[in-house]
Amino acid sequence: MDADRCVIDRSNIPRHYKMLSPDDRRTFDRWLKVNVVFGAILVIGLAAMAVAGSYVTAPHEVAVAAGGKTTDGAASQLRHP
């Protein structure tokens, strides 16, 4: 492998990018844009799930968190296995 082509060892990514042909630059730019869009969708989805999950609490979960008694046996089994 050519030492000039090894980006990891040289850690000179901007110089390597400038040495690319125009076609390779366009290909890299498209790849980068696709990854940015995918990452943004992933972050938005995770944030939406976190917000939605913070609003979902069942009445027995609130009672267990407050230390009170519940009407169903499932929550009491969680406290006393």
Foldseek 3Di string as FASTA:
>chain_A
DDPVPDCVVVVPVVVVLVPDDPVVNVVVVVVVVVVVVVVVVVVVVVVVVVVVVVPDDDPLNVCVVVVHDDDDPPSVVVVPD
